Protein backbone atom coordinates (compact mmCIF):
# COMPACT_ATOMS: atom_id res chain seq x y z
CA MET A 1 72.60 87.72 96.21
CA GLY A 2 72.78 88.25 92.49
CA LEU A 3 72.47 91.38 90.42
CA PHE A 4 68.81 90.81 89.58
CA ASP A 5 67.74 89.29 92.90
CA MET A 6 65.65 91.43 95.20
CA GLY A 7 65.53 92.01 98.90
CA ILE A 8 62.92 93.95 100.83
CA ARG A 9 63.32 94.84 104.49
CA LYS A 10 60.42 96.77 105.92
CA GLU A 11 59.02 97.50 109.33
CA ILE A 12 55.25 97.56 109.59
CA SER A 13 53.40 98.83 112.60
CA THR A 14 50.12 97.06 113.05
CA LYS A 15 48.01 95.77 115.90
CA LYS A 16 47.19 92.59 114.02
CA SER A 17 48.51 89.27 115.26
CA ASN A 18 51.24 87.30 113.56
CA GLU A 19 48.73 84.82 112.15
CA GLU A 20 46.52 87.58 110.70
CA VAL A 21 49.46 89.24 108.95
CA LEU A 22 50.72 85.93 107.55
CA GLY A 23 47.20 85.00 106.42
CA PHE A 24 46.79 88.36 104.64
CA ILE A 25 50.15 87.99 102.88
CA GLU A 26 49.35 84.42 101.85
CA LYS A 27 45.93 85.41 100.50
CA LYS A 28 47.29 88.32 98.44
CA ILE A 29 50.45 86.69 97.10
CA ASN A 30 49.26 83.10 96.61
CA LYS A 31 47.46 83.84 93.32
CA TYR A 32 50.72 85.07 91.75
CA SER A 33 52.59 81.87 92.52
CA GLU A 34 52.13 78.96 90.14
CA LYS A 35 52.96 76.45 92.88
CA THR A 36 51.41 76.15 96.30
CA VAL A 37 52.82 78.15 99.17
CA LYS A 38 55.07 76.25 101.57
CA PHE A 39 55.24 77.27 105.21
CA GLU A 40 58.38 76.11 107.03
CA ASN A 41 59.68 77.36 110.38
CA GLY A 42 57.77 80.64 110.25
CA THR A 43 58.83 81.35 106.67
CA PHE A 44 56.70 81.39 103.52
CA ILE A 45 58.38 79.91 100.47
CA LEU A 46 56.83 80.74 97.11
CA ASN A 47 58.23 79.12 94.00
CA ASP A 48 57.58 80.56 90.54
CA PHE A 49 56.27 83.92 91.76
CA LYS A 50 55.39 85.91 88.65
CA THR A 51 54.02 89.44 88.31
CA SER A 52 56.13 90.30 85.28
CA ILE A 53 57.91 88.33 82.57
CA LEU A 54 60.59 86.92 84.89
CA LYS A 55 59.86 84.47 87.72
CA TYR A 56 61.26 84.62 91.23
CA ASP A 57 61.52 82.26 94.18
CA LEU A 58 60.42 84.25 97.24
CA THR A 59 61.04 83.64 100.91
CA ILE A 60 58.98 85.76 103.28
CA ASN A 61 59.93 85.93 106.94
CA LEU A 62 58.00 87.84 109.59
CA GLU A 63 59.73 88.83 112.83
CA LYS A 64 58.18 90.50 115.86
CA SER A 65 59.61 93.94 116.71
CA GLN A 66 58.84 96.65 119.25
CA LYS A 67 56.50 98.62 116.97
CA GLY A 68 54.95 95.74 115.07
CA PHE A 69 56.68 93.40 112.65
CA ASN A 70 59.78 93.34 110.49
CA ILE A 71 59.03 91.74 107.16
CA LEU A 72 61.97 90.28 105.28
CA ILE A 73 61.42 89.27 101.67
CA ASP A 74 64.17 87.75 99.55
CA GLY A 75 63.52 87.05 95.90
CA GLU A 76 65.90 85.00 93.82
CA LEU A 77 65.58 85.05 90.05
CA LYS A 78 64.89 81.57 88.71
CA GLN A 79 68.04 79.87 87.43
CA PHE A 80 66.53 79.34 83.97
CA TYR A 81 66.04 83.09 83.52
CA VAL A 82 69.54 83.82 84.81
CA LEU A 83 70.95 81.51 82.13
CA ILE A 84 68.86 83.20 79.44
CA LEU A 85 70.02 86.65 80.56
CA VAL A 86 73.67 85.56 80.63
CA ALA A 87 73.35 84.06 77.15
CA LEU A 88 71.72 87.25 75.86
CA VAL A 89 74.48 89.39 77.37
CA ILE A 90 77.19 87.20 75.83
CA LEU A 91 75.47 87.23 72.45
CA SER A 92 74.92 90.96 72.59
CA ILE A 93 78.58 91.55 73.38
CA THR A 94 79.78 89.36 70.53
CA LEU A 95 77.21 90.31 67.89
CA THR A 96 76.58 93.98 68.58
CA ALA A 97 79.93 95.04 70.09
CA GLY A 98 78.25 95.54 73.47
CA ILE A 99 75.40 97.76 72.37
CA GLY A 100 72.85 95.02 73.01
CA VAL A 101 73.83 94.90 76.68
CA ALA A 102 72.21 98.34 76.96
CA LEU A 103 68.91 96.60 76.17
CA VAL A 104 69.22 93.37 78.15
CA VAL A 105 70.37 94.79 81.49
CA PRO A 106 67.74 97.57 81.72
CA PHE A 107 65.04 95.05 80.76
CA ALA A 108 66.00 92.74 83.63
CA TYR A 109 66.38 95.66 86.04
CA LEU A 110 62.93 97.03 85.17
CA GLN A 111 61.40 93.58 85.72
CA LYS A 112 63.03 93.47 89.15
CA HIS A 113 61.84 97.02 89.91
CA PHE A 114 58.26 96.21 88.87
CA THR A 115 58.13 93.09 91.05
CA THR A 116 59.62 94.95 94.03
CA LYS A 117 57.12 97.78 93.61
CA PHE A 118 54.25 95.29 93.43
CA ILE A 119 55.32 93.52 96.63
CA ASN A 120 55.78 96.85 98.42
CA SER A 121 52.24 97.84 97.47
CA ILE A 122 50.94 94.61 99.05
CA ILE A 123 52.95 95.28 102.21
CA ASP A 124 51.55 98.81 102.42
CA LYS A 125 48.01 97.41 102.41
CA ILE A 126 48.74 95.45 105.61
CA ILE A 127 48.91 98.62 107.70
């Protein structure tokens, strides 16, 4: 997992069935993905998920637990954006003696934080 990739592990207690929870997640998240949702082996795969400037590839897995469900969401920053961020860090080190890194890294971190907060708000609505 990279520096700007995200991972959410949350336990939700609900009386809804597995299909209802997956249908709710698909309905809420599908409009933020530019490509169609893939469903493979009990896992949602969303490519080009975008709620902020940066795009992520999300995998959403739902596991049954004693109290309800464990939801596991892994978001990987698209490779194109990783290359742009690396290039900006290298340029900021060489051109601004490292001061520009203080702008690039917080920008990427805040984008990750915003996307994580957005997904957590969707998860909280399931309950």
